[in-house]
């Protein structure tokens, strides 16, 4: 594992800490690779029930490493696309992981860093945090993150954020749909840990089925979505977790 990423597992939670505080935890090629390796490991580790991504220091993540980004200007288009997909694949992997992924955001989550947060299933933000896509102000395009942005906040708000690069407070980001919950700044760590503890106590199978169906619904017509739900419902009823939980409830 790279020293740019700290990893620790405790009580079913894998904590991944972006460890470049002097660079506002900018996403280097090395850091992205380390994150992908950690996600692959979490998929195979039965002891991991939930993954949380945090940033060392004041900020969550300021986006791609600008030095590496500038160096890429001289590369061939195919090489640049491969570099872009290096990060894009991480977004896809976080969605495909059959375990809940949580972004615990303090400070700024900008550009690719905002994309990294919103690629997670749940975004927990401290009151003083900020979110945005300022790529346009650097002559760049928020290209890959736009897929998540448009799905989360809708067409008009998404275009406004992408085309102007304006930043949102945590409260504004929550209202827009980028953030799941805004937590008290002074009690942020305690509240995050409480939520993670709750998530790790849930049925592994139920969480996996819920997450898989949730993202499969993207783009499905209404009837197909309901039919998919019926199939998932039928499979989940046959699991040991379901039988045990319902039996326990009925015994109360």
C-alpha atoms as a PDB file:
ATOM      1  CA  UNK A   1       0.000   0.000   0.000  1.00  0.00           C
ATOM      2  CA  UNK A   2       1.229   3.490  -0.873  1.00  0.00           C
ATOM      3  CA  UNK A   3       2.070   5.920   1.938  1.00  0.00           C
ATOM      4  CA  UNK A   4      -0.314   8.305   0.155  1.00  0.00           C
ATOM      5  CA  UNK A   5      -3.194   6.214   1.482  1.00  0.00           C
ATOM      6  CA  UNK A   6      -3.645   5.048   5.064  1.00  0.00           C
ATOM      7  CA  UNK A   7      -5.801   1.965   5.617  1.00  0.00           C
ATOM      8  CA  UNK A   8      -7.098   0.566   8.895  1.00  0.00           C
ATOM      9  CA  UNK A   9      -9.839  -1.944   9.690  1.00  0.00           C
ATOM     10  CA  UNK A  10     -11.702  -1.988  13.001  1.00  0.00           C
ATOM     11  CA  UNK A  11     -15.123  -3.359  13.987  1.00  0.00           C
ATOM     12  CA  UNK A  12     -16.010  -4.159  10.386  1.00  0.00           C
ATOM     13  CA  UNK A  13     -15.130  -0.695   9.041  1.00  0.00           C
ATOM     14  CA  UNK A  14     -12.291  -0.176   6.579  1.00  0.00           C
ATOM     15  CA  UNK A  15     -11.107   3.422   6.905  1.00  0.00           C
ATOM     16  CA  UNK A  16      -9.198   4.773   3.905  1.00  0.00           C
ATOM     17  CA  UNK A  17      -7.510   8.114   4.586  1.00  0.00           C
ATOM     18  CA  UNK A  18      -6.174  10.174   1.694  1.00  0.00           C
ATOM     19  CA  UNK A  19      -2.751  11.088   3.044  1.00  0.00           C
ATOM     20  CA  UNK A  20      -1.432  14.058   1.073  1.00  0.00           C
ATOM     21  CA  UNK A  21      -2.466  16.927   3.376  1.00  0.00           C
ATOM     22  CA  UNK A  22       0.280  19.206   2.015  1.00  0.00           C
ATOM     23  CA  UNK A  23      -1.357  18.881  -1.431  1.00  0.00           C
ATOM     24  CA  UNK A  24      -4.940  19.075  -0.111  1.00  0.00           C
ATOM     25  CA  UNK A  25      -5.103  15.310  -0.718  1.00  0.00           C
ATOM     26  CA  UNK A  26      -4.952  15.776  -4.479  1.00  0.00           C
ATOM     27  CA  UNK A  27      -5.533  12.576  -6.416  1.00  0.00           C
ATOM     28  CA  UNK A  28      -2.213  11.477  -7.899  1.00  0.00           C
ATOM     29  CA  UNK A  29      -1.856   8.464 -10.174  1.00  0.00           C
ATOM     30  CA  UNK A  30      -0.303   6.616  -7.234  1.00  0.00           C
ATOM     31  CA  UNK A  31      -3.085   7.523  -4.813  1.00  0.00           C
ATOM     32  CA  UNK A  32      -5.810   6.489  -7.247  1.00  0.00           C
ATOM     33  CA  UNK A  33      -4.045   3.165  -7.749  1.00  0.00           C
ATOM     34  CA  UNK A  34      -3.834   2.623  -3.996  1.00  0.00           C
ATOM     35  CA  UNK A  35      -7.552   3.373  -3.604  1.00  0.00           C
ATOM     36  CA  UNK A  36      -8.427   0.852  -6.305  1.00  0.00           C
ATOM     37  CA  UNK A  37      -6.244  -1.779  -4.662  1.00  0.00           C
ATOM     38  CA  UNK A  38      -7.956  -1.133  -1.321  1.00  0.00           C
ATOM     39  CA  UNK A  39     -11.435  -1.403  -2.841  1.00  0.00           C
ATOM     40  CA  UNK A  40     -10.526  -4.718  -4.468  1.00  0.00           C
ATOM     41  CA  UNK A  41      -9.262  -5.953  -1.119  1.00  0.00           C
ATOM     42  CA  UNK A  42     -12.440  -4.831   0.655  1.00  0.00           C
ATOM     43  CA  UNK A  43     -14.520  -6.804  -1.829  1.00  0.00           C
ATOM     44  CA  UNK A  44     -12.682 -10.019  -0.922  1.00  0.00           C
ATOM     45  CA  UNK A  45     -12.463  -9.421   2.842  1.00  0.00           C
ATOM     46  CA  UNK A  46     -15.462 -10.841   4.706  1.00  0.00           C
ATOM     47  CA  UNK A  47     -14.378  -8.877   7.769  1.00  0.00           C
ATOM     48  CA  UNK A  48     -15.062  -5.583   5.990  1.00  0.00           C
ATOM     49  CA  UNK A  49     -18.732  -4.621   6.101  1.00  0.00           C
ATOM     50  CA  UNK A  50     -18.395  -0.918   5.305  1.00  0.00           C
ATOM     51  CA  UNK A  51     -15.773   1.370   3.722  1.00  0.00           C
ATOM     52  CA  UNK A  52     -15.282   4.997   4.736  1.00  0.00           C
ATOM     53  CA  UNK A  53     -13.063   7.451   2.842  1.00  0.00           C
ATOM     54  CA  UNK A  54     -11.636  10.472   4.650  1.00  0.00           C
ATOM     55  CA  UNK A  55      -8.984  13.111   4.051  1.00  0.00           C
ATOM     56  CA  UNK A  56      -5.972  13.845   6.256  1.00  0.00           C
ATOM     57  CA  UNK A  57      -5.610  17.433   7.399  1.00  0.00           C
ATOM     58  CA  UNK A  58      -8.102  20.197   6.692  1.00  0.00           C
ATOM     59  CA  UNK A  59      -9.545  19.102   3.342  1.00  0.00           C
ATOM     60  CA  UNK A  60     -11.181  15.971   1.994  1.00  0.00           C
ATOM     61  CA  UNK A  61      -9.754  16.244  -1.535  1.00  0.00           C
ATOM     62  CA  UNK A  62      -9.068  19.136  -3.924  1.00  0.00           C
ATOM     63  CA  UNK A  63      -9.280  17.011  -7.077  1.00  0.00           C
ATOM     64  CA  UNK A  64      -6.672  15.686  -9.465  1.00  0.00           C
ATOM     65  CA  UNK A  65      -2.997  16.469  -8.928  1.00  0.00           C
ATOM     66  CA  UNK A  66      -2.551  19.603 -11.062  1.00  0.00           C
ATOM     67  CA  UNK A  67       1.139  18.962 -11.698  1.00  0.00           C
ATOM     68  CA  UNK A  68       0.388  15.549 -13.191  1.00  0.00           C
ATOM     69  CA  UNK A  69      -2.580  17.010 -15.038  1.00  0.00           C
ATOM     70  CA  UNK A  70      -0.415  19.667 -16.689  1.00  0.00           C
ATOM     71  CA  UNK A  71       2.202  17.061 -17.646  1.00  0.00           C
ATOM     72  CA  UNK A  72      -0.500  15.043 -19.390  1.00  0.00           C
ATOM     73  CA  UNK A  73      -1.100  17.887 -21.873  1.00  0.00           C
ATOM     74  CA  UNK A  74       1.753  16.555 -24.032  1.00  0.00           C
ATOM     75  CA  UNK A  75       0.489  12.971 -24.112  1.00  0.00           C
ATOM     76  CA  UNK A  76      -1.323  11.332 -27.006  1.00  0.00           C
ATOM     77  CA  UNK A  77      -5.138  11.279 -26.754  1.00  0.00           C
ATOM     78  CA  UNK A  78      -5.159   7.511 -26.103  1.00  0.00           C
ATOM     79  CA  UNK A  79      -2.756   7.912 -23.174  1.00  0.00           C
ATOM     80  CA  UNK A  80      -4.801  10.765 -21.747  1.00  0.00           C
ATOM     81  CA  UNK A  81      -7.985   8.726 -21.981  1.00  0.00           C
ATOM     82  CA  UNK A  82      -6.283   5.851 -20.159  1.00  0.00           C
ATOM     83  CA  UNK A  83      -5.189   8.261 -17.391  1.00  0.00           C
ATOM     84  CA  UNK A  84      -8.712   9.640 -17.113  1.00  0.00           C
ATOM     85  CA  UNK A  85     -10.185   6.141 -16.951  1.00  0.00           C
ATOM     86  CA  UNK A  86      -7.751   5.322 -14.124  1.00  0.00           C
ATOM     87  CA  UNK A  87      -9.921   7.584 -11.931  1.00  0.00           C
ATOM     88  CA  UNK A  88     -13.167   6.768 -13.713  1.00  0.00           C
ATOM     89  CA  UNK A  89     -12.679   3.084 -13.011  1.00  0.00           C
ATOM     90  CA  UNK A  90     -12.393   3.878  -9.287  1.00  0.00           C
ATOM     91  CA  UNK A  91     -15.820   5.555  -9.400  1.00  0.00           C
ATOM     92  CA  UNK A  92     -17.274   2.457 -11.066  1.00  0.00           C
ATOM     93  CA  UNK A  93     -15.589   0.132  -8.555  1.00  0.00           C
ATOM     94  CA  UNK A  94     -17.053   2.044  -5.595  1.00  0.00           C
ATOM     95  CA  UNK A  95     -20.537   1.668  -7.061  1.00  0.00           C
ATOM     96  CA  UNK A  96     -20.008  -2.034  -7.825  1.00  0.00           C
ATOM     97  CA  UNK A  97     -18.622  -2.914  -4.375  1.00  0.00           C
ATOM     98  CA  UNK A  98     -21.361  -4.948  -2.588  1.00  0.00           C
ATOM     99  CA  UNK A  99     -20.724  -3.048   0.655  1.00  0.00           C
ATOM    100  CA  UNK A 100     -21.727   0.442   1.738  1.00  0.00           C
ATOM    101  CA  UNK A 101     -19.183   3.132   0.926  1.00  0.00           C
ATOM    102  CA  UNK A 102     -19.203   6.362   2.913  1.00  0.00           C
ATOM    103  CA  UNK A 103     -17.412   9.656   2.269  1.00  0.00           C
ATOM    104  CA  UNK A 104     -16.735  11.578   5.499  1.00  0.00           C
ATOM    105  CA  UNK A 105     -16.074  15.094   4.226  1.00  0.00           C
ATOM    106  CA  UNK A 106     -14.425  17.906   6.120  1.00  0.00           C
ATOM    107  CA  UNK A 107     -13.030  21.000   4.436  1.00  0.00           C
ATOM    108  CA  UNK A 108     -13.214  21.079   0.656  1.00  0.00           C
ATOM    109  CA  UNK A 109     -14.296  18.361  -1.764  1.00  0.00           C
ATOM    110  CA  UNK A 110     -13.613  19.830  -5.179  1.00  0.00           C
ATOM    111  CA  UNK A 111     -13.544  18.621  -8.799  1.00  0.00           C
ATOM    112  CA  UNK A 112     -12.426  14.980  -8.849  1.00  0.00           C
ATOM    113  CA  UNK A 113     -12.501  15.069  -5.056  1.00  0.00           C
ATOM    114  CA  UNK A 114     -16.179  15.964  -5.158  1.00  0.00           C
ATOM    115  CA  UNK A 115     -16.579  13.168  -7.697  1.00  0.00           C
ATOM    116  CA  UNK A 116     -14.866  10.747  -5.328  1.00  0.00           C
ATOM    117  CA  UNK A 117     -17.226  11.736  -2.511  1.00  0.00           C
ATOM    118  CA  UNK A 118     -20.362  11.414  -4.620  1.00  0.00           C
ATOM    119  CA  UNK A 119     -19.217   8.070  -6.040  1.00  0.00           C
ATOM    120  CA  UNK A 120     -19.720   6.767  -2.500  1.00  0.00           C
ATOM    121  CA  UNK A 121     -23.168   5.585  -1.446  1.00  0.00           C
ATOM    122  CA  UNK A 122     -23.455   7.984   1.502  1.00  0.00           C
ATOM    123  CA  UNK A 123     -21.871  11.418   1.883  1.00  0.00           C
ATOM    124  CA  UNK A 124     -21.540  12.739   5.433  1.00  0.00           C
ATOM    125  CA  UNK A 125     -20.442  16.379   5.518  1.00  0.00           C
ATOM    126  CA  UNK A 126     -19.277  18.576   8.357  1.00  0.00           C
ATOM    127  CA  UNK A 127     -21.040  21.918   8.624  1.00  0.00           C
ATOM    128  CA  UNK A 128     -18.019  23.873   7.401  1.00  0.00           C
ATOM    129  CA  UNK A 129     -17.300  21.768   4.325  1.00  0.00           C
ATOM    130  CA  UNK A 130     -17.579  22.914   0.696  1.00  0.00           C
ATOM    131  CA  UNK A 131     -18.407  21.119  -2.531  1.00  0.00           C
ATOM    132  CA  UNK A 132     -17.959  22.076  -6.160  1.00  0.00           C
ATOM    133  CA  UNK A 133     -16.606  21.519  -9.644  1.00  0.00           C
ATOM    134  CA  UNK A 134     -14.261  24.449 -10.424  1.00  0.00           C
ATOM    135  CA  UNK A 135     -12.638  22.763 -13.446  1.00  0.00           C
ATOM    136  CA  UNK A 136     -14.168  25.309 -15.829  1.00  0.00           C
ATOM    137  CA  UNK A 137     -12.141  28.056 -14.108  1.00  0.00           C
ATOM    138  CA  UNK A 138      -8.945  26.212 -15.051  1.00  0.00           C
ATOM    139  CA  UNK A 139      -9.901  25.721 -18.689  1.00  0.00           C
ATOM    140  CA  UNK A 140     -10.857  22.122 -17.970  1.00  0.00           C
ATOM    141  CA  UNK A 141     -14.069  20.068 -18.069  1.00  0.00           C
ATOM    142  CA  UNK A 142     -15.706  18.160 -15.175  1.00  0.00           C
ATOM    143  CA  UNK A 143     -16.175  15.360 -17.650  1.00  0.00           C
ATOM    144  CA  UNK A 144     -16.404  12.099 -15.723  1.00  0.00           C
ATOM    145  CA  UNK A 145     -17.937  13.527 -12.553  1.00  0.00           C
ATOM    146  CA  UNK A 146     -20.742  15.014 -14.662  1.00  0.00           C
ATOM    147  CA  UNK A 147     -22.407  11.591 -14.901  1.00  0.00           C
ATOM    148  CA  UNK A 148     -22.922  11.439 -11.134  1.00  0.00           C
ATOM    149  CA  UNK A 149     -23.616  15.160 -10.818  1.00  0.00           C
ATOM    150  CA  UNK A 150     -26.485  15.155 -13.334  1.00  0.00           C
ATOM    151  CA  UNK A 151     -28.084  12.074 -11.790  1.00  0.00           C
ATOM    152  CA  UNK A 152     -27.875  13.492  -8.280  1.00  0.00           C
ATOM    153  CA  UNK A 153     -29.066  17.069  -8.689  1.00  0.00           C
ATOM    154  CA  UNK A 154     -30.930  17.248 -12.008  1.00  0.00           C
ATOM    155  CA  UNK A 155     -30.219  19.010 -15.273  1.00  0.00           C
ATOM    156  CA  UNK A 156     -30.484  22.707 -14.403  1.00  0.00           C
ATOM    157  CA  UNK A 157     -28.532  22.645 -11.151  1.00  0.00           C
ATOM    158  CA  UNK A 158     -25.920  20.293 -12.621  1.00  0.00           C
ATOM    159  CA  UNK A 159     -25.272  22.544 -15.614  1.00  0.00           C
ATOM    160  CA  UNK A 160     -25.049  25.605 -13.385  1.00  0.00           C
ATOM    161  CA  UNK A 161     -22.431  23.936 -11.165  1.00  0.00           C
ATOM    162  CA  UNK A 162     -20.430  22.532 -14.084  1.00  0.00           C
ATOM    163  CA  UNK A 163     -20.535  25.697 -16.208  1.00  0.00           C
ATOM    164  CA  UNK A 164     -19.834  28.260 -13.489  1.00  0.00           C
ATOM    165  CA  UNK A 165     -17.620  26.328 -11.058  1.00  0.00           C
ATOM    166  CA  UNK A 166     -19.374  27.911  -8.090  1.00  0.00           C
ATOM    167  CA  UNK A 167     -18.930  26.255  -4.707  1.00  0.00           C
ATOM    168  CA  UNK A 168     -21.678  25.089  -2.371  1.00  0.00           C
ATOM    169  CA  UNK A 169     -21.729  25.081   1.409  1.00  0.00           C
ATOM    170  CA  UNK A 170     -22.533  21.786   3.112  1.00  0.00           C
ATOM    171  CA  UNK A 171     -26.123  22.915   3.678  1.00  0.00           C
ATOM    172  CA  UNK A 172     -26.514  23.970   0.036  1.00  0.00           C
ATOM    173  CA  UNK A 173     -24.996  20.688  -1.130  1.00  0.00           C
ATOM    174  CA  UNK A 174     -27.450  18.756   1.032  1.00  0.00           C
ATOM    175  CA  UNK A 175     -30.404  20.677  -0.408  1.00  0.00           C
ATOM    176  CA  UNK A 176     -29.101  20.077  -3.928  1.00  0.00           C
ATOM    177  CA  UNK A 177     -28.750  16.325  -3.348  1.00  0.00           C
ATOM    178  CA  UNK A 178     -24.957  16.009  -3.294  1.00  0.00           C
ATOM    179  CA  UNK A 179     -24.822  15.282   0.430  1.00  0.00           C
ATOM    180  CA  UNK A 180     -26.721  12.695   2.484  1.00  0.00           C
ATOM    181  CA  UNK A 181     -26.411  14.371   5.893  1.00  0.00           C
ATOM    182  CA  UNK A 182     -24.753  17.457   7.365  1.00  0.00           C
ATOM    183  CA  UNK A 183     -23.276  16.764  10.792  1.00  0.00           C
ATOM    184  CA  UNK A 184     -22.251  19.058  13.609  1.00  0.00           C
ATOM    185  CA  UNK A 185     -18.641  20.131  13.144  1.00  0.00           C
ATOM    186  CA  UNK A 186     -17.663  19.664  16.802  1.00  0.00           C
ATOM    187  CA  UNK A 187     -19.179  16.173  17.046  1.00  0.00           C
ATOM    188  CA  UNK A 188     -18.426  15.117  13.471  1.00  0.00           C
ATOM    189  CA  UNK A 189     -16.202  12.112  14.221  1.00  0.00           C
ATOM    190  CA  UNK A 190     -18.523  10.782  16.914  1.00  0.00           C
ATOM    191  CA  UNK A 191     -21.582  11.094  14.688  1.00  0.00           C
ATOM    192  CA  UNK A 192     -19.788   9.480  11.752  1.00  0.00           C
ATOM    193  CA  UNK A 193     -18.723   6.573  13.953  1.00  0.00           C
ATOM    194  CA  UNK A 194     -22.271   6.132  15.217  1.00  0.00           C
ATOM    195  CA  UNK A 195     -23.581   5.891  11.644  1.00  0.00           C
ATOM    196  CA  UNK A 196     -20.809   3.479  10.641  1.00  0.00           C
ATOM    197  CA  UNK A 197     -21.578   1.328  13.662  1.00  0.00           C
ATOM    198  CA  UNK A 198     -25.213   1.136  12.608  1.00  0.00           C
ATOM    199  CA  UNK A 199     -24.277   0.202   9.030  1.00  0.00           C
ATOM    200  CA  UNK A 200     -21.969  -2.609  10.121  1.00  0.00           C
ATOM    201  CA  UNK A 201     -24.809  -4.127  12.158  1.00  0.00           C
ATOM    202  CA  UNK A 202     -27.038  -4.603   9.119  1.00  0.00           C
ATOM    203  CA  UNK A 203     -27.458  -7.847   7.193  1.00  0.00           C
ATOM    204  CA  UNK A 204     -24.592  -8.231   4.718  1.00  0.00           C
ATOM    205  CA  UNK A 205     -26.876  -9.893   2.166  1.00  0.00           C
ATOM    206  CA  UNK A 206     -29.638  -7.311   2.517  1.00  0.00           C
ATOM    207  CA  UNK A 207     -27.164  -4.452   2.055  1.00  0.00           C
ATOM    208  CA  UNK A 208     -25.647  -6.137  -0.995  1.00  0.00           C
ATOM    209  CA  UNK A 209     -29.054  -6.737  -2.619  1.00  0.00           C
ATOM    210  CA  UNK A 210     -30.191  -3.192  -1.829  1.00  0.00           C
ATOM    211  CA  UNK A 211     -27.113  -1.570  -3.306  1.00  0.00           C
ATOM    212  CA  UNK A 212     -27.095  -3.697  -6.442  1.00  0.00           C
ATOM    213  CA  UNK A 213     -30.760  -3.053  -7.195  1.00  0.00           C
ATOM    214  CA  UNK A 214     -30.502   0.639  -6.333  1.00  0.00           C
ATOM    215  CA  UNK A 215     -27.942   1.326  -9.055  1.00  0.00           C
ATOM    216  CA  UNK A 216     -29.467  -1.080 -11.562  1.00  0.00           C
ATOM    217  CA  UNK A 217     -32.591   1.085 -11.499  1.00  0.00           C
ATOM    218  CA  UNK A 218     -30.741   3.886 -13.321  1.00  0.00           C
ATOM    219  CA  UNK A 219     -32.449   4.373 -16.669  1.00  0.00           C
ATOM    220  CA  UNK A 220     -34.968   1.541 -16.286  1.00  0.00           C
ATOM    221  CA  UNK A 221     -38.603   2.196 -17.260  1.00  0.00           C
ATOM    222  CA  UNK A 222     -41.057   2.130 -14.340  1.00  0.00           C
ATOM    223  CA  UNK A 223     -42.455  -1.361 -14.945  1.00  0.00           C
ATOM    224  CA  UNK A 224     -39.005  -2.894 -15.473  1.00  0.00           C
ATOM    225  CA  UNK A 225     -37.830  -1.328 -12.231  1.00  0.00           C
ATOM    226  CA  UNK A 226     -40.762  -2.791 -10.302  1.00  0.00           C
ATOM    227  CA  UNK A 227     -40.212  -6.202 -11.921  1.00  0.00           C
ATOM    228  CA  UNK A 228     -36.529  -6.055 -10.938  1.00  0.00           C
ATOM    229  CA  UNK A 229     -37.693  -5.328  -7.398  1.00  0.00           C
ATOM    230  CA  UNK A 230     -39.956  -8.378  -7.459  1.00  0.00           C
ATOM    231  CA  UNK A 231     -37.019 -10.602  -8.468  1.00  0.00           C
ATOM    232  CA  UNK A 232     -34.766  -9.159  -5.763  1.00  0.00           C
ATOM    233  CA  UNK A 233     -37.592  -9.474  -3.244  1.00  0.00           C
ATOM    234  CA  UNK A 234     -38.043 -13.162  -4.066  1.00  0.00           C
ATOM    235  CA  UNK A 235     -34.335 -13.928  -3.707  1.00  0.00           C
ATOM    236  CA  UNK A 236     -33.947 -11.972  -0.457  1.00  0.00           C
ATOM    237  CA  UNK A 237     -36.874 -13.816   1.165  1.00  0.00           C
ATOM    238  CA  UNK A 238     -34.947 -17.082   0.841  1.00  0.00           C
ATOM    239  CA  UNK A 239     -31.849 -15.861   2.704  1.00  0.00           C
ATOM    240  CA  UNK A 240     -30.988 -16.997   6.251  1.00  0.00           C
ATOM    241  CA  UNK A 241     -30.702 -13.348   7.333  1.00  0.00           C
ATOM    242  CA  UNK A 242     -34.329 -12.705   6.354  1.00  0.00           C
ATOM    243  CA  UNK A 243     -35.639 -15.800   8.129  1.00  0.00           C
ATOM    244  CA  UNK A 244     -33.715 -15.015  11.312  1.00  0.00           C
ATOM    245  CA  UNK A 245     -34.705 -11.324  11.414  1.00  0.00           C
ATOM    246  CA  UNK A 246     -38.418 -11.919  10.781  1.00  0.00           C
ATOM    247  CA  UNK A 247     -38.555 -14.799  13.252  1.00  0.00           C
ATOM    248  CA  UNK A 248     -36.887 -12.658  15.914  1.00  0.00           C
ATOM    249  CA  UNK A 249     -39.327  -9.797  15.262  1.00  0.00           C
ATOM    250  CA  UNK A 250     -42.363 -12.098  15.547  1.00  0.00           C
ATOM    251  CA  UNK A 251     -41.114 -13.489  18.866  1.00  0.00           C
ATOM    252  CA  UNK A 252     -41.198 -10.022  20.478  1.00  0.00           C
END
